[in-house]
N, C-alpha and C. Protein backbone atom coordinates (compact mmCIF):
# COMPACT_ATOMS: atom_id res chain seq x y z
N UNK A 1 1.05 -1.73 -0.10
CA UNK A 1 -0.55 0.30 0.05
C UNK A 1 0.79 1.44 -0.02
N UNK A 2 0.61 2.33 -0.91
CA UNK A 2 1.48 3.41 -0.92
C UNK A 2 0.65 4.51 -0.16
N UNK A 3 1.66 5.06 0.56
CA UNK A 3 1.37 6.66 1.49
C UNK A 3 1.04 7.56 0.79
N UNK A 4 0.17 8.26 1.08
CA UNK A 4 -0.05 9.33 0.42
C UNK A 4 -0.29 10.58 1.17
N UNK A 5 0.89 11.45 1.15
CA UNK A 5 1.24 12.89 1.60
C UNK A 5 0.77 14.04 1.30
N UNK A 6 -0.36 14.46 1.72
CA UNK A 6 -0.95 15.60 1.23
C UNK A 6 -0.27 16.91 2.04
N UNK A 7 0.36 17.84 0.77
CA UNK A 7 0.51 18.80 1.26
C UNK A 7 0.18 20.34 1.02
N UNK A 8 0.04 20.92 1.58
CA UNK A 8 -0.90 22.42 1.04
C UNK A 8 0.25 23.56 0.88
N UNK A 9 0.25 23.75 -0.86
CA UNK A 9 1.86 24.49 -0.94
C UNK A 9 1.04 26.30 -1.15
N UNK A 10 1.59 26.88 -0.10
CA UNK A 10 1.49 28.77 0.14
C UNK A 10 1.64 28.87 -1.12
N UNK A 11 0.91 29.87 -1.90
CA UNK A 11 1.03 30.72 -3.14
C UNK A 11 1.97 32.18 -2.91
N UNK A 12 2.07 32.56 -2.27
CA UNK A 12 2.89 33.65 -1.88
C UNK A 12 4.15 33.23 -1.15
N UNK A 13 4.92 32.28 -1.05
CA UNK A 13 5.71 32.30 -0.36
C UNK A 13 6.40 30.70 -0.57
N UNK A 14 5.89 29.64 -0.88
CA UNK A 14 5.71 28.27 -1.31
C UNK A 14 6.18 27.40 0.02
N UNK A 15 6.05 28.23 0.97
CA UNK A 15 6.37 27.56 2.29
C UNK A 15 5.15 26.47 1.95
N UNK A 16 5.26 25.02 2.74
CA UNK A 16 4.08 23.60 2.74
C UNK A 16 3.97 23.26 3.89
N UNK A 17 2.75 22.71 4.23
CA UNK A 17 2.34 22.47 5.34
C UNK A 17 1.57 21.00 5.09
N UNK A 18 1.06 20.55 6.01
CA UNK A 18 0.37 19.14 6.19
C UNK A 18 -0.96 19.99 5.46
N UNK A 19 -1.74 19.34 4.46
CA UNK A 19 -2.91 20.46 3.81
C UNK A 19 -4.13 19.90 4.65
N UNK A 20 -4.17 19.89 5.67
CA UNK A 20 -5.58 19.83 6.13
C UNK A 20 -5.12 20.88 7.25
N UNK A 21 -4.20 20.88 7.90
CA UNK A 21 -3.61 21.86 8.79
C UNK A 21 -4.10 22.97 7.94
N UNK A 22 -3.33 23.09 7.35
CA UNK A 22 -2.85 24.80 6.43
C UNK A 22 -4.23 24.96 5.90
N UNK A 23 -5.41 24.36 6.10
CA UNK A 23 -6.89 24.38 5.28
C UNK A 23 -7.48 24.94 6.77
N UNK A 24 -7.51 24.32 7.63
CA UNK A 24 -7.90 24.79 9.16
C UNK A 24 -7.30 26.10 9.64
N UNK A 25 -6.30 26.11 9.10
CA UNK A 25 -5.48 27.34 9.79
C UNK A 25 -6.49 28.53 8.45
N UNK A 26 -6.57 28.39 7.65
CA UNK A 26 -6.87 29.41 6.50
C UNK A 26 -8.27 29.73 6.73
N UNK A 27 -9.32 29.18 7.55
CA UNK A 27 -10.37 29.31 8.03
C UNK A 27 -10.29 30.88 9.14
N UNK A 28 -9.25 30.95 9.84
CA UNK A 28 -8.93 31.97 10.90
C UNK A 28 -8.45 33.39 10.11
N UNK A 29 -7.14 32.84 9.61
CA UNK A 29 -6.20 33.95 8.63
C UNK A 29 -5.40 33.22 7.69
N UNK A 30 -5.25 34.78 6.83
CA UNK A 30 -4.80 33.91 5.38
C UNK A 30 -3.29 34.53 5.07
N UNK A 31 -2.23 34.12 6.40
CA UNK A 31 -1.33 34.75 6.67
C UNK A 31 -0.24 33.52 7.03
N UNK A 32 0.46 33.25 6.22
CA UNK A 32 1.78 32.32 6.11
C UNK A 32 1.58 32.25 7.99
N UNK A 33 2.04 30.96 8.20
CA UNK A 33 2.31 30.91 10.01
C UNK A 33 3.79 30.86 10.13
N UNK A 34 4.88 31.01 8.81
CA UNK A 34 5.98 31.17 9.30
C UNK A 34 6.42 32.19 9.12
N UNK A 35 6.18 32.93 7.88
CA UNK A 35 6.40 34.45 7.38
C UNK A 35 5.45 35.47 7.70
N UNK A 36 4.27 35.10 7.68
CA UNK A 36 3.24 36.43 7.78
C UNK A 36 3.09 36.69 6.37
N UNK A 37 3.33 36.63 5.35
CA UNK A 37 2.88 36.58 4.39
C UNK A 37 1.62 36.52 3.90
N UNK A 38 0.79 37.31 3.70
CA UNK A 38 -0.52 37.12 2.68
C UNK A 38 -0.71 35.77 2.00
N UNK A 39 -1.35 34.82 1.77
CA UNK A 39 -1.61 33.62 0.68
C UNK A 39 -2.89 33.95 0.16
N UNK A 40 -3.34 33.69 -0.90
CA UNK A 40 -4.53 33.72 -1.72
C UNK A 40 -5.22 32.60 -1.81
N UNK A 41 -4.22 31.93 -2.30
CA UNK A 41 -4.56 29.98 -2.66
C UNK A 41 -4.01 29.23 -1.99
N UNK A 42 -4.01 27.95 -1.79
CA UNK A 42 -3.11 27.20 -1.22
C UNK A 42 -3.24 25.67 -2.27
N UNK A 43 -2.67 25.19 -2.63
CA UNK A 43 -2.43 24.30 -4.07
C UNK A 43 -2.21 22.98 -3.44
N UNK A 44 -2.96 21.98 -3.25
CA UNK A 44 -2.79 20.66 -2.75
C UNK A 44 -1.70 19.87 -3.31
N UNK A 45 -0.36 19.38 -2.98
CA UNK A 45 0.37 18.40 -3.82
C UNK A 45 0.44 17.39 -2.69
N UNK A 46 0.38 16.27 -3.56
CA UNK A 46 0.25 14.81 -2.74
C UNK A 46 1.98 14.25 -3.17
N UNK A 47 2.20 13.05 -2.63
CA UNK A 47 3.73 12.37 -3.09
C UNK A 47 3.35 11.04 -2.43
N UNK A 48 4.00 10.20 -3.91
CA UNK A 48 3.32 8.79 -3.76
C UNK A 48 4.46 8.10 -4.16
N UNK A 49 4.92 7.18 -3.56
CA UNK A 49 6.72 6.69 -3.68
C UNK A 49 7.38 7.86 -3.99
N UNK A 50 7.68 8.50 -3.58
CA UNK A 50 8.61 9.89 -4.08
C UNK A 50 8.44 11.18 -5.26
N UNK A 51 7.06 10.74 -5.86
CA UNK A 51 6.75 11.53 -7.31
C UNK A 51 5.95 12.61 -6.83
N UNK A 52 6.19 13.88 -6.70
CA UNK A 52 5.00 14.98 -6.36
C UNK A 52 4.11 15.37 -7.24
N UNK A 53 3.20 15.58 -7.08
CA UNK A 53 2.10 15.95 -8.38
C UNK A 53 1.26 16.83 -7.40
N UNK A 54 0.74 18.01 -8.23
CA UNK A 54 0.07 18.87 -7.92
C UNK A 54 -1.23 18.69 -8.68
N UNK A 55 -2.43 18.64 -7.51
CA UNK A 55 -3.70 18.40 -7.80
C UNK A 55 -4.31 19.95 -8.31
N UNK A 56 -4.57 20.46 -9.58
CA UNK A 56 -5.10 21.57 -10.31
C UNK A 56 -6.44 21.97 -9.21
N UNK A 57 -7.02 20.68 -9.08
CA UNK A 57 -8.62 20.93 -8.69
C UNK A 57 -8.18 20.85 -7.35
N UNK A 58 -7.51 20.96 -6.13
CA UNK A 58 -7.40 20.57 -4.52
C UNK A 58 -7.06 21.80 -4.37
N UNK A 59 -7.47 23.05 -4.44
CA UNK A 59 -7.02 24.33 -4.49
C UNK A 59 -7.94 25.13 -3.21
N UNK A 60 -7.64 25.93 -2.54
CA UNK A 60 -8.52 26.51 -1.58
C UNK A 60 -8.36 27.87 -1.46
N UNK A 61 -9.29 28.74 -2.02
CA UNK A 61 -9.40 29.67 -1.86
C UNK A 61 -10.96 30.48 -1.49
N UNK A 62 -11.58 29.85 -0.27
CA UNK A 62 -12.38 30.67 0.10
C UNK A 62 -12.29 32.08 0.79
N UNK A 63 -11.40 32.35 1.27
CA UNK A 63 -11.84 33.94 2.11
C UNK A 63 -11.62 34.49 1.15
N UNK A 64 -11.70 34.53 -0.25
CA UNK A 64 -11.78 35.34 -1.39
C UNK A 64 -13.42 35.65 -1.66
N UNK A 65 -13.82 34.70 -1.30
CA UNK A 65 -15.78 35.02 -1.48
C UNK A 65 -15.98 35.89 -0.91
N UNK A 66 -17.04 36.52 -1.15
CA UNK A 66 -17.67 37.49 -0.48
C UNK A 66 -19.00 36.82 -0.27
């Protein structure tokens, strides 16, 4: 069985975190926890057996909605 590790990459600084962790963080603020830059989107990236692939359908930008 292959382990899938979901990562959330921030558009402002390219810092990455556990996707579900940064997704929860984004409901509170859109500032990067490390550098405090404002992000507009989180891209979900997953790693299976050492190959990393971005999933363009798994982005979060909910705080931009009015």
